[in-house]
Amino acid sequence: MLFNKNKRELKNICASNEIRRLQLLENAVINYGGGLLQLELRAANQATILRQREPETAELLDDIALYLHDVAATGRLDIYNRKYSL
């Protein structure tokens, strides 16, 4: 029984950490990124600019833009009218 209790507590701690990470991401997007769509667009635009000179950085920015889009999709946010494609 002690093992199960510790396992349950560990799951709760992990869930709390995940929620905290998402809260920090949301705070950064809202307060420092100009909003989810603006941050996604900036990452995608910078990726396009850097693609020839710094392909690894461009790939990372593409991943960030796609991640932000997936966050919106998962949260069912209505910002799908993207003006670019990755």
C-alpha atoms as a PDB file:
ATOM      1  CA  MET A   1       0.000   0.000   0.000  1.00  0.00           C
ATOM      2  CA  LEU A   2       2.873   2.375   0.730  1.00  0.00           C
ATOM      3  CA  PHE A   3       4.254   1.883  -2.785  1.00  0.00           C
ATOM      4  CA  ASN A   4       0.879   2.700  -4.342  1.00  0.00           C
ATOM      5  CA  LYS A   5       0.536   5.818  -2.234  1.00  0.00           C
ATOM      6  CA  ASN A   6       3.993   7.001  -3.230  1.00  0.00           C
ATOM      7  CA  LYS A   7       3.277   6.208  -6.873  1.00  0.00           C
ATOM      8  CA  ARG A   8       0.039   8.201  -6.696  1.00  0.00           C
ATOM      9  CA  GLU A   9       1.813  11.116  -5.023  1.00  0.00           C
ATOM     10  CA  LEU A  10       4.498  11.013  -7.700  1.00  0.00           C
ATOM     11  CA  LYS A  11       1.830  11.167 -10.426  1.00  0.00           C
ATOM     12  CA  ASN A  12       0.251  14.169  -8.704  1.00  0.00           C
ATOM     13  CA  ILE A  13       3.607  15.907  -8.476  1.00  0.00           C
ATOM     14  CA  CYS A  14       4.295  15.230 -12.163  1.00  0.00           C
ATOM     15  CA  ALA A  15       0.845  16.503 -13.122  1.00  0.00           C
ATOM     16  CA  SER A  16       1.427  19.632 -11.035  1.00  0.00           C
ATOM     17  CA  ASN A  17       4.774  20.199 -12.744  1.00  0.00           C
ATOM     18  CA  GLU A  18       3.182  19.823 -16.184  1.00  0.00           C
ATOM     19  CA  ILE A  19       0.428  22.264 -15.286  1.00  0.00           C
ATOM     20  CA  ARG A  20       3.006  24.732 -13.983  1.00  0.00           C
ATOM     21  CA  ARG A  21       5.024  24.436 -17.213  1.00  0.00           C
ATOM     22  CA  LEU A  22       1.900  25.152 -19.257  1.00  0.00           C
ATOM     23  CA  GLN A  23       1.069  28.135 -17.047  1.00  0.00           C
ATOM     24  CA  LEU A  24       4.562  29.540 -17.588  1.00  0.00           C
ATOM     25  CA  LEU A  25       4.280  29.015 -21.337  1.00  0.00           C
ATOM     26  CA  GLU A  26       0.884  30.708 -21.401  1.00  0.00           C
ATOM     27  CA  ASN A  27       2.231  33.645 -19.386  1.00  0.00           C
ATOM     28  CA  ALA A  28       5.194  34.040 -21.732  1.00  0.00           C
ATOM     29  CA  VAL A  29       3.016  33.887 -24.842  1.00  0.00           C
ATOM     30  CA  ILE A  30       0.473  36.388 -23.542  1.00  0.00           C
ATOM     31  CA  ASN A  31       2.787  38.856 -21.837  1.00  0.00           C
ATOM     32  CA  TYR A  32       5.977  38.657 -23.878  1.00  0.00           C
ATOM     33  CA  GLY A  33       5.070  37.166 -27.243  1.00  0.00           C
ATOM     34  CA  GLY A  34       2.186  39.416 -28.246  1.00  0.00           C
ATOM     35  CA  GLY A  35      -0.235  36.522 -28.121  1.00  0.00           C
ATOM     36  CA  LEU A  36      -0.195  32.994 -29.434  1.00  0.00           C
ATOM     37  CA  LEU A  37      -0.823  33.794 -33.085  1.00  0.00           C
ATOM     38  CA  GLN A  38       1.700  36.652 -33.158  1.00  0.00           C
ATOM     39  CA  LEU A  39       4.388  34.488 -31.600  1.00  0.00           C
ATOM     40  CA  GLU A  40       3.642  31.647 -34.007  1.00  0.00           C
ATOM     41  CA  LEU A  41       3.826  34.014 -36.991  1.00  0.00           C
ATOM     42  CA  ARG A  42       7.081  35.564 -35.772  1.00  0.00           C
ATOM     43  CA  ALA A  43       8.694  32.153 -35.359  1.00  0.00           C
ATOM     44  CA  ALA A  44       7.554  31.067 -38.832  1.00  0.00           C
ATOM     45  CA  ASN A  45       8.697  34.309 -40.464  1.00  0.00           C
ATOM     46  CA  GLN A  46      12.120  34.167 -38.808  1.00  0.00           C
ATOM     47  CA  ALA A  47      12.464  30.550 -39.924  1.00  0.00           C
ATOM     48  CA  THR A  48      11.892  31.641 -43.509  1.00  0.00           C
ATOM     49  CA  ILE A  49      14.474  34.415 -43.193  1.00  0.00           C
ATOM     50  CA  LEU A  50      17.096  32.122 -41.637  1.00  0.00           C
ATOM     51  CA  ARG A  51      16.490  29.010 -43.734  1.00  0.00           C
ATOM     52  CA  GLN A  52      19.507  29.440 -46.059  1.00  0.00           C
ATOM     53  CA  ARG A  53      22.041  30.819 -43.557  1.00  0.00           C
ATOM     54  CA  GLU A  54      21.111  28.881 -40.427  1.00  0.00           C
ATOM     55  CA  PRO A  55      19.066  25.787 -41.315  1.00  0.00           C
ATOM     56  CA  GLU A  56      19.235  24.311 -37.802  1.00  0.00           C
ATOM     57  CA  THR A  57      17.840  27.497 -36.258  1.00  0.00           C
ATOM     58  CA  ALA A  58      15.160  27.675 -38.944  1.00  0.00           C
ATOM     59  CA  GLU A  59      14.149  24.088 -38.212  1.00  0.00           C
ATOM     60  CA  LEU A  60      13.895  24.860 -34.499  1.00  0.00           C
ATOM     61  CA  LEU A  61      11.732  27.906 -35.219  1.00  0.00           C
ATOM     62  CA  ASP A  62       9.513  25.797 -37.489  1.00  0.00           C
ATOM     63  CA  ASP A  63       9.107  23.326 -34.629  1.00  0.00           C
ATOM     64  CA  ILE A  64       8.198  26.154 -32.248  1.00  0.00           C
ATOM     65  CA  ALA A  65       5.622  27.547 -34.693  1.00  0.00           C
ATOM     66  CA  LEU A  66       4.073  24.107 -35.150  1.00  0.00           C
ATOM     67  CA  TYR A  67       4.080  23.527 -31.390  1.00  0.00           C
ATOM     68  CA  LEU A  68       2.253  26.808 -30.807  1.00  0.00           C
ATOM     69  CA  HIS A  69      -0.261  25.883 -33.493  1.00  0.00           C
ATOM     70  CA  ASP A  70      -0.791  22.496 -31.831  1.00  0.00           C
ATOM     71  CA  VAL A  71      -1.330  24.206 -28.476  1.00  0.00           C
ATOM     72  CA  ALA A  72      -4.076  26.292 -30.091  1.00  0.00           C
ATOM     73  CA  ALA A  73      -5.603  23.231 -31.738  1.00  0.00           C
ATOM     74  CA  THR A  74      -5.546  21.248 -28.511  1.00  0.00           C
ATOM     75  CA  GLY A  75      -7.109  24.142 -26.625  1.00  0.00           C
ATOM     76  CA  ARG A  76      -9.622  24.594 -29.466  1.00  0.00           C
ATOM     77  CA  LEU A  77      -8.620  28.225 -29.869  1.00  0.00           C
ATOM     78  CA  ASP A  78      -9.999  29.947 -32.940  1.00  0.00           C
ATOM     79  CA  ILE A  79      -6.783  31.164 -34.572  1.00  0.00           C
ATOM     80  CA  TYR A  80      -6.457  28.716 -37.448  1.00  0.00           C
ATOM     81  CA  ASN A  81      -6.468  31.228 -40.305  1.00  0.00           C
ATOM     82  CA  ARG A  82      -2.726  31.146 -40.807  1.00  0.00           C
ATOM     83  CA  LYS A  83      -1.377  33.124 -43.752  1.00  0.00           C
ATOM     84  CA  TYR A  84       1.572  30.815 -44.317  1.00  0.00           C
ATOM     85  CA  SER A  85       2.331  27.148 -44.475  1.00  0.00           C
ATOM     86  CA  LEU A  86       5.264  25.307 -42.967  1.00  0.00           C
END
